[in-house]
Amino acid sequence: MAAVIGHLTVDSADPGLLAQWWAQVLGWLVEDESDPDEIWIESPDGGQPGILFLRVADAKVVKNRLHLDLRPADSSDQESEVARLLALGATSVDIGQGEVPWYVLADPEGNEFCLLRSTPAQLAAMEATG
């Protein structure tokens, strides 16, 4: 027998704000706002572990030990996706990554995440359609 991931939990000063932001970034749905200290989002098809945002009193002070790696959706490229994320309120951050083929960004509360390039299959599909 093996365990399965139920959800990823993110500590937050404002769970409602952060849940709404991440729901917009991922195209997910805010599933439960009944408790303002615990807000849940999940993919529309429910096929992936959700993200639970929990209110905590302490501020984030160091680099995340766990972070999300995002890829552009099939219809976008890395540069247009990073522009969209920055327009939504992400910020570029330097955690000492140097010259790499991905972007390190942070959400409105400073939680780092990476925007990778499209997968080879995504790139081939984009080239085939246009």
N, C-alpha and C. Protein backbone atom coordinates (compact mmCIF):
# COMPACT_ATOMS: atom_id res chain seq x y z
N MET A 1 0.84 -1.17 0.00
CA MET A 1 0.00 0.00 0.00
C MET A 1 0.89 1.24 0.00
N ALA A 2 0.40 2.31 -0.57
CA ALA A 2 1.15 3.56 -0.65
C ALA A 2 0.24 4.72 -0.26
N ALA A 3 0.84 5.80 0.15
CA ALA A 3 0.09 7.02 0.46
C ALA A 3 -0.11 7.83 -0.81
N VAL A 4 -1.10 8.68 -0.81
CA VAL A 4 -1.34 9.59 -1.92
C VAL A 4 -1.34 11.02 -1.37
N ILE A 5 -1.00 11.96 -2.20
CA ILE A 5 -1.00 13.36 -1.78
C ILE A 5 -2.44 13.85 -1.79
N GLY A 6 -2.90 14.33 -0.65
CA GLY A 6 -4.24 14.88 -0.56
C GLY A 6 -4.30 16.31 -1.02
N HIS A 7 -3.37 17.10 -0.57
CA HIS A 7 -3.24 18.49 -1.00
C HIS A 7 -1.91 19.04 -0.52
N LEU A 8 -1.52 20.13 -1.08
CA LEU A 8 -0.33 20.87 -0.67
C LEU A 8 -0.83 22.02 0.19
N THR A 9 -0.19 22.26 1.32
CA THR A 9 -0.62 23.32 2.23
C THR A 9 0.37 24.47 2.18
N VAL A 10 -0.15 25.68 2.07
CA VAL A 10 0.67 26.88 2.02
C VAL A 10 0.29 27.78 3.19
N ASP A 11 1.27 28.11 4.05
CA ASP A 11 1.03 29.08 5.11
C ASP A 11 0.84 30.45 4.50
N SER A 12 -0.06 31.24 5.08
CA SER A 12 -0.41 32.51 4.46
C SER A 12 -0.87 33.53 5.50
N ALA A 13 -0.55 34.79 5.25
CA ALA A 13 -1.07 35.88 6.07
C ALA A 13 -2.52 36.17 5.70
N ASP A 14 -2.87 35.99 4.43
CA ASP A 14 -4.23 36.25 3.94
C ASP A 14 -4.65 35.11 3.00
N PRO A 15 -5.18 34.02 3.56
CA PRO A 15 -5.53 32.86 2.73
C PRO A 15 -6.50 33.17 1.59
N GLY A 16 -7.47 34.04 1.83
CA GLY A 16 -8.43 34.37 0.77
C GLY A 16 -7.77 35.03 -0.41
N LEU A 17 -6.92 36.00 -0.15
CA LEU A 17 -6.22 36.71 -1.22
C LEU A 17 -5.30 35.77 -1.98
N LEU A 18 -4.54 34.98 -1.25
CA LEU A 18 -3.59 34.09 -1.92
C LEU A 18 -4.30 32.97 -2.67
N ALA A 19 -5.38 32.45 -2.12
CA ALA A 19 -6.15 31.42 -2.83
C ALA A 19 -6.72 31.96 -4.13
N GLN A 20 -7.28 33.16 -4.10
CA GLN A 20 -7.82 33.78 -5.31
C GLN A 20 -6.72 33.98 -6.35
N TRP A 21 -5.54 34.44 -5.89
CA TRP A 21 -4.43 34.69 -6.81
C TRP A 21 -3.99 33.40 -7.49
N TRP A 22 -3.76 32.36 -6.69
CA TRP A 22 -3.32 31.09 -7.26
C TRP A 22 -4.41 30.46 -8.13
N ALA A 23 -5.66 30.61 -7.77
CA ALA A 23 -6.75 30.09 -8.61
C ALA A 23 -6.71 30.76 -9.98
N GLN A 24 -6.45 32.06 -10.01
CA GLN A 24 -6.36 32.77 -11.28
C GLN A 24 -5.13 32.31 -12.07
N VAL A 25 -4.01 32.15 -11.41
CA VAL A 25 -2.78 31.71 -12.08
C VAL A 25 -2.98 30.34 -12.73
N LEU A 26 -3.58 29.42 -11.99
CA LEU A 26 -3.71 28.03 -12.45
C LEU A 26 -4.98 27.74 -13.23
N GLY A 27 -5.93 28.68 -13.23
CA GLY A 27 -7.22 28.40 -13.86
C GLY A 27 -8.03 27.42 -13.04
N TRP A 28 -7.81 27.43 -11.72
CA TRP A 28 -8.50 26.52 -10.80
C TRP A 28 -9.68 27.22 -10.15
N LEU A 29 -10.37 26.48 -9.30
CA LEU A 29 -11.56 26.98 -8.61
C LEU A 29 -11.31 27.08 -7.12
N VAL A 30 -11.81 28.16 -6.52
CA VAL A 30 -11.81 28.25 -5.07
C VAL A 30 -12.97 27.40 -4.60
N GLU A 31 -12.67 26.37 -3.83
CA GLU A 31 -13.69 25.38 -3.47
C GLU A 31 -14.38 25.66 -2.15
N ASP A 32 -13.69 26.25 -1.19
CA ASP A 32 -14.30 26.42 0.12
C ASP A 32 -13.76 27.68 0.78
N GLU A 33 -14.63 28.67 0.93
CA GLU A 33 -14.25 29.91 1.59
C GLU A 33 -15.03 30.10 2.89
N SER A 34 -15.64 29.03 3.41
CA SER A 34 -16.47 29.15 4.60
C SER A 34 -15.67 29.49 5.85
N ASP A 35 -14.41 29.11 5.89
CA ASP A 35 -13.53 29.44 7.00
C ASP A 35 -12.43 30.33 6.46
N PRO A 36 -12.39 31.62 6.81
CA PRO A 36 -11.39 32.53 6.25
C PRO A 36 -9.95 32.18 6.62
N ASP A 37 -9.78 31.25 7.56
CA ASP A 37 -8.43 30.83 7.95
C ASP A 37 -7.95 29.61 7.18
N GLU A 38 -8.84 28.98 6.41
CA GLU A 38 -8.50 27.80 5.61
C GLU A 38 -9.26 27.85 4.29
N ILE A 39 -8.58 28.20 3.22
CA ILE A 39 -9.22 28.31 1.90
C ILE A 39 -8.59 27.27 0.97
N TRP A 40 -9.42 26.57 0.24
CA TRP A 40 -9.01 25.44 -0.60
C TRP A 40 -9.25 25.76 -2.07
N ILE A 41 -8.28 25.42 -2.94
CA ILE A 41 -8.49 25.50 -4.38
C ILE A 41 -8.18 24.14 -4.99
N GLU A 42 -8.80 23.86 -6.13
CA GLU A 42 -8.48 22.63 -6.85
C GLU A 42 -8.73 22.82 -8.34
N SER A 43 -8.16 21.91 -9.12
CA SER A 43 -8.33 21.97 -10.58
C SER A 43 -9.79 21.71 -10.91
N PRO A 44 -10.28 22.25 -12.02
CA PRO A 44 -11.69 22.06 -12.38
C PRO A 44 -12.10 20.60 -12.50
N ASP A 45 -11.18 19.73 -12.92
CA ASP A 45 -11.52 18.32 -13.06
C ASP A 45 -11.24 17.52 -11.79
N GLY A 46 -10.67 18.18 -10.78
CA GLY A 46 -10.38 17.50 -9.53
C GLY A 46 -9.31 16.43 -9.64
N GLY A 47 -8.60 16.41 -10.75
CA GLY A 47 -7.64 15.34 -11.00
C GLY A 47 -6.27 15.51 -10.38
N GLN A 48 -6.01 16.63 -9.75
CA GLN A 48 -4.71 16.88 -9.14
C GLN A 48 -4.92 17.18 -7.66
N PRO A 49 -3.88 16.98 -6.85
CA PRO A 49 -4.02 17.41 -5.46
C PRO A 49 -4.31 18.91 -5.40
N GLY A 50 -5.18 19.30 -4.51
CA GLY A 50 -5.51 20.71 -4.35
C GLY A 50 -4.47 21.44 -3.54
N ILE A 51 -4.71 22.72 -3.34
CA ILE A 51 -3.83 23.54 -2.51
C ILE A 51 -4.69 24.16 -1.42
N LEU A 52 -4.25 24.01 -0.19
CA LEU A 52 -4.94 24.56 0.97
C LEU A 52 -4.11 25.71 1.52
N PHE A 53 -4.73 26.87 1.67
CA PHE A 53 -4.05 28.05 2.20
C PHE A 53 -4.50 28.24 3.65
N LEU A 54 -3.55 28.21 4.57
CA LEU A 54 -3.82 28.32 6.00
C LEU A 54 -3.27 29.63 6.55
N ARG A 55 -4.08 30.29 7.36
CA ARG A 55 -3.63 31.53 8.00
C ARG A 55 -2.62 31.20 9.10
N VAL A 56 -1.49 31.91 9.06
CA VAL A 56 -0.48 31.81 10.11
C VAL A 56 -0.08 33.22 10.52
N ALA A 57 0.36 33.36 11.76
CA ALA A 57 0.74 34.68 12.27
C ALA A 57 2.15 35.08 11.86
N ASP A 58 3.03 34.11 11.70
CA ASP A 58 4.42 34.45 11.40
C ASP A 58 4.61 34.75 9.92
N ALA A 59 5.52 35.66 9.64
CA ALA A 59 5.82 36.06 8.27
C ALA A 59 6.83 35.10 7.64
N LYS A 60 6.81 35.00 6.33
CA LYS A 60 7.81 34.22 5.60
C LYS A 60 9.13 34.98 5.66
N VAL A 61 10.21 34.28 6.02
CA VAL A 61 11.49 34.98 6.16
C VAL A 61 12.63 34.34 5.38
N VAL A 62 12.50 33.10 4.94
CA VAL A 62 13.57 32.44 4.19
C VAL A 62 13.01 31.80 2.93
N LYS A 63 13.91 31.37 2.06
CA LYS A 63 13.53 30.68 0.83
C LYS A 63 12.71 29.44 1.16
N ASN A 64 11.69 29.19 0.33
CA ASN A 64 10.86 27.99 0.49
C ASN A 64 11.71 26.73 0.42
N ARG A 65 11.38 25.74 1.20
CA ARG A 65 12.01 24.43 1.11
C ARG A 65 11.28 23.55 0.09
N LEU A 66 10.07 23.91 -0.24
CA LEU A 66 9.25 23.20 -1.22
C LEU A 66 8.59 24.27 -2.08
N HIS A 67 8.58 24.08 -3.39
CA HIS A 67 7.95 25.07 -4.25
C HIS A 67 7.29 24.38 -5.45
N LEU A 68 6.44 25.12 -6.13
CA LEU A 68 5.78 24.63 -7.33
C LEU A 68 6.62 24.95 -8.55
N ASP A 69 6.68 24.02 -9.49
CA ASP A 69 7.25 24.25 -10.81
C ASP A 69 6.08 24.28 -11.78
N LEU A 70 5.88 25.40 -12.44
CA LEU A 70 4.80 25.55 -13.41
C LEU A 70 5.37 25.46 -14.82
N ARG A 71 4.53 25.07 -15.76
CA ARG A 71 4.86 25.11 -17.18
C ARG A 71 3.75 25.90 -17.88
N PRO A 72 4.09 26.57 -18.98
CA PRO A 72 3.03 27.26 -19.73
C PRO A 72 2.01 26.25 -20.24
N ALA A 73 0.77 26.70 -20.33
CA ALA A 73 -0.27 25.86 -20.92
C ALA A 73 0.06 25.61 -22.38
N ASP A 74 -0.60 24.67 -23.00
CA ASP A 74 -0.31 24.28 -24.38
C ASP A 74 -0.30 25.46 -25.35
N SER A 75 -1.13 26.46 -25.09
CA SER A 75 -1.27 27.53 -26.08
C SER A 75 -0.37 28.74 -25.84
N SER A 76 0.52 28.67 -24.86
CA SER A 76 1.37 29.84 -24.61
C SER A 76 2.83 29.43 -24.53
N ASP A 77 3.70 30.40 -24.68
CA ASP A 77 5.12 30.14 -24.53
C ASP A 77 5.59 30.71 -23.20
N GLN A 78 6.81 30.41 -22.84
CA GLN A 78 7.34 30.81 -21.55
C GLN A 78 7.34 32.33 -21.37
N GLU A 79 7.75 33.06 -22.39
CA GLU A 79 7.83 34.51 -22.27
C GLU A 79 6.46 35.16 -22.08
N SER A 80 5.46 34.71 -22.84
CA SER A 80 4.14 35.30 -22.67
C SER A 80 3.52 34.88 -21.33
N GLU A 81 3.84 33.69 -20.86
CA GLU A 81 3.31 33.25 -19.56
C GLU A 81 3.96 34.02 -18.42
N VAL A 82 5.26 34.28 -18.50
CA VAL A 82 5.89 35.06 -17.43
C VAL A 82 5.34 36.48 -17.43
N ALA A 83 5.05 37.04 -18.58
CA ALA A 83 4.44 38.37 -18.64
C ALA A 83 3.06 38.36 -18.00
N ARG A 84 2.28 37.32 -18.23
CA ARG A 84 0.95 37.20 -17.62
C ARG A 84 1.07 37.10 -16.10
N LEU A 85 2.00 36.28 -15.62
CA LEU A 85 2.17 36.11 -14.18
C LEU A 85 2.62 37.41 -13.51
N LEU A 86 3.52 38.13 -14.16
CA LEU A 86 3.97 39.41 -13.62
C LEU A 86 2.82 40.42 -13.59
N ALA A 87 1.98 40.41 -14.62
CA ALA A 87 0.83 41.31 -14.65
C ALA A 87 -0.18 40.98 -13.55
N LEU A 88 -0.25 39.71 -13.17
CA LEU A 88 -1.15 39.29 -12.08
C LEU A 88 -0.60 39.65 -10.70
N GLY A 89 0.68 40.01 -10.63
CA GLY A 89 1.25 40.40 -9.34
C GLY A 89 2.42 39.56 -8.87
N ALA A 90 2.88 38.62 -9.68
CA ALA A 90 4.10 37.88 -9.33
C ALA A 90 5.28 38.84 -9.41
N THR A 91 6.34 38.50 -8.72
CA THR A 91 7.57 39.29 -8.80
C THR A 91 8.73 38.37 -9.16
N SER A 92 9.70 38.90 -9.88
CA SER A 92 10.92 38.15 -10.18
C SER A 92 11.79 38.14 -8.93
N VAL A 93 12.38 36.99 -8.63
CA VAL A 93 13.26 36.91 -7.47
C VAL A 93 14.55 36.22 -7.83
N ASP A 94 15.59 36.57 -7.12
CA ASP A 94 16.90 35.95 -7.29
C ASP A 94 17.21 35.18 -6.02
N ILE A 95 17.25 33.87 -6.13
CA ILE A 95 17.59 33.02 -4.99
C ILE A 95 18.96 32.39 -5.21
N GLY A 96 19.73 33.02 -6.11
CA GLY A 96 21.05 32.51 -6.43
C GLY A 96 21.05 31.49 -7.55
N GLN A 97 20.01 31.50 -8.37
CA GLN A 97 19.88 30.49 -9.42
C GLN A 97 20.84 30.70 -10.58
N GLY A 98 21.40 31.90 -10.74
CA GLY A 98 22.31 32.14 -11.85
C GLY A 98 21.58 32.12 -13.19
N GLU A 99 22.32 31.81 -14.25
CA GLU A 99 21.74 31.75 -15.60
C GLU A 99 21.09 30.39 -15.80
N VAL A 100 19.78 30.37 -15.84
CA VAL A 100 19.02 29.12 -16.00
C VAL A 100 17.93 29.33 -17.03
N PRO A 101 17.41 28.25 -17.64
CA PRO A 101 16.36 28.40 -18.66
C PRO A 101 14.94 28.50 -18.09
N TRP A 102 14.80 28.84 -16.83
CA TRP A 102 13.50 29.02 -16.22
C TRP A 102 13.49 30.33 -15.45
N TYR A 103 12.31 30.75 -15.05
CA TYR A 103 12.15 31.98 -14.27
C TYR A 103 11.82 31.61 -12.83
N VAL A 104 12.43 32.30 -11.89
CA VAL A 104 12.07 32.15 -10.49
C VAL A 104 11.25 33.39 -10.13
N LEU A 105 10.03 33.14 -9.68
CA LEU A 105 9.09 34.20 -9.35
C LEU A 105 8.58 33.98 -7.94
N ALA A 106 7.87 34.96 -7.42
CA ALA A 106 7.23 34.83 -6.12
C ALA A 106 5.80 35.31 -6.22
N ASP A 107 4.92 34.68 -5.44
CA ASP A 107 3.53 35.10 -5.38
C ASP A 107 3.41 36.36 -4.52
N PRO A 108 2.23 36.93 -4.36
CA PRO A 108 2.10 38.18 -3.61
C PRO A 108 2.57 38.12 -2.16
N GLU A 109 2.71 36.93 -1.57
CA GLU A 109 3.22 36.82 -0.21
C GLU A 109 4.68 36.39 -0.17
N GLY A 110 5.32 36.33 -1.34
CA GLY A 110 6.75 36.03 -1.38
C GLY A 110 7.11 34.57 -1.49
N ASN A 111 6.14 33.69 -1.72
CA ASN A 111 6.43 32.27 -1.90
C ASN A 111 6.99 32.04 -3.29
N GLU A 112 8.21 31.50 -3.35
CA GLU A 112 8.85 31.29 -4.64
C GLU A 112 8.22 30.14 -5.41
N PHE A 113 8.24 30.28 -6.72
CA PHE A 113 7.85 29.20 -7.63
C PHE A 113 8.62 29.40 -8.92
N CYS A 114 8.71 28.36 -9.73
CA CYS A 114 9.45 28.44 -10.99
C CYS A 114 8.51 28.31 -12.17
N LEU A 115 8.82 29.03 -13.21
CA LEU A 115 8.13 28.87 -14.49
C LEU A 115 9.13 28.25 -15.45
N LEU A 116 8.89 26.98 -15.78
CA LEU A 116 9.76 26.24 -16.67
C LEU A 116 9.36 26.50 -18.11
N ARG A 117 10.13 25.93 -19.03
CA ARG A 117 9.76 25.99 -20.44
C ARG A 117 8.67 24.98 -20.73
N SER A 118 8.07 25.11 -21.90
CA SER A 118 7.10 24.11 -22.34
C SER A 118 7.81 22.77 -22.51
N THR A 119 7.06 21.69 -22.39
CA THR A 119 7.65 20.37 -22.63
C THR A 119 7.91 20.21 -24.13
N PRO A 120 8.79 19.28 -24.51
CA PRO A 120 9.00 19.03 -25.95
C PRO A 120 7.70 18.71 -26.69
N ALA A 121 6.81 17.97 -26.06
CA ALA A 121 5.53 17.63 -26.72
C ALA A 121 4.68 18.89 -26.92
N GLN A 122 4.68 19.78 -25.94
CA GLN A 122 3.94 21.04 -26.09
C GLN A 122 4.54 21.88 -27.21
N LEU A 123 5.86 21.97 -27.25
CA LEU A 123 6.51 22.76 -28.30
C LEU A 123 6.21 22.19 -29.69
N ALA A 124 6.25 20.87 -29.84
CA ALA A 124 5.95 20.24 -31.12
C ALA A 124 4.51 20.52 -31.54
N ALA A 125 3.59 20.46 -30.59
CA ALA A 125 2.18 20.75 -30.90
C ALA A 125 1.99 22.19 -31.30
N MET A 126 2.69 23.12 -30.64
CA MET A 126 2.59 24.54 -31.00
C MET A 126 3.16 24.78 -32.40
N GLU A 127 4.26 24.13 -32.72
CA GLU A 127 4.87 24.29 -34.06
C GLU A 127 3.96 23.71 -35.13
N ALA A 128 3.30 22.61 -34.83
CA ALA A 128 2.42 21.96 -35.81
C ALA A 128 1.17 22.78 -36.10
N THR A 129 0.73 23.59 -35.12
CA THR A 129 -0.49 24.37 -35.32
C THR A 129 -0.23 25.79 -35.78
N GLY A 130 1.02 26.18 -35.83
CA GLY A 130 1.13 27.51 -36.30
C GLY A 130 2.36 28.21 -36.23
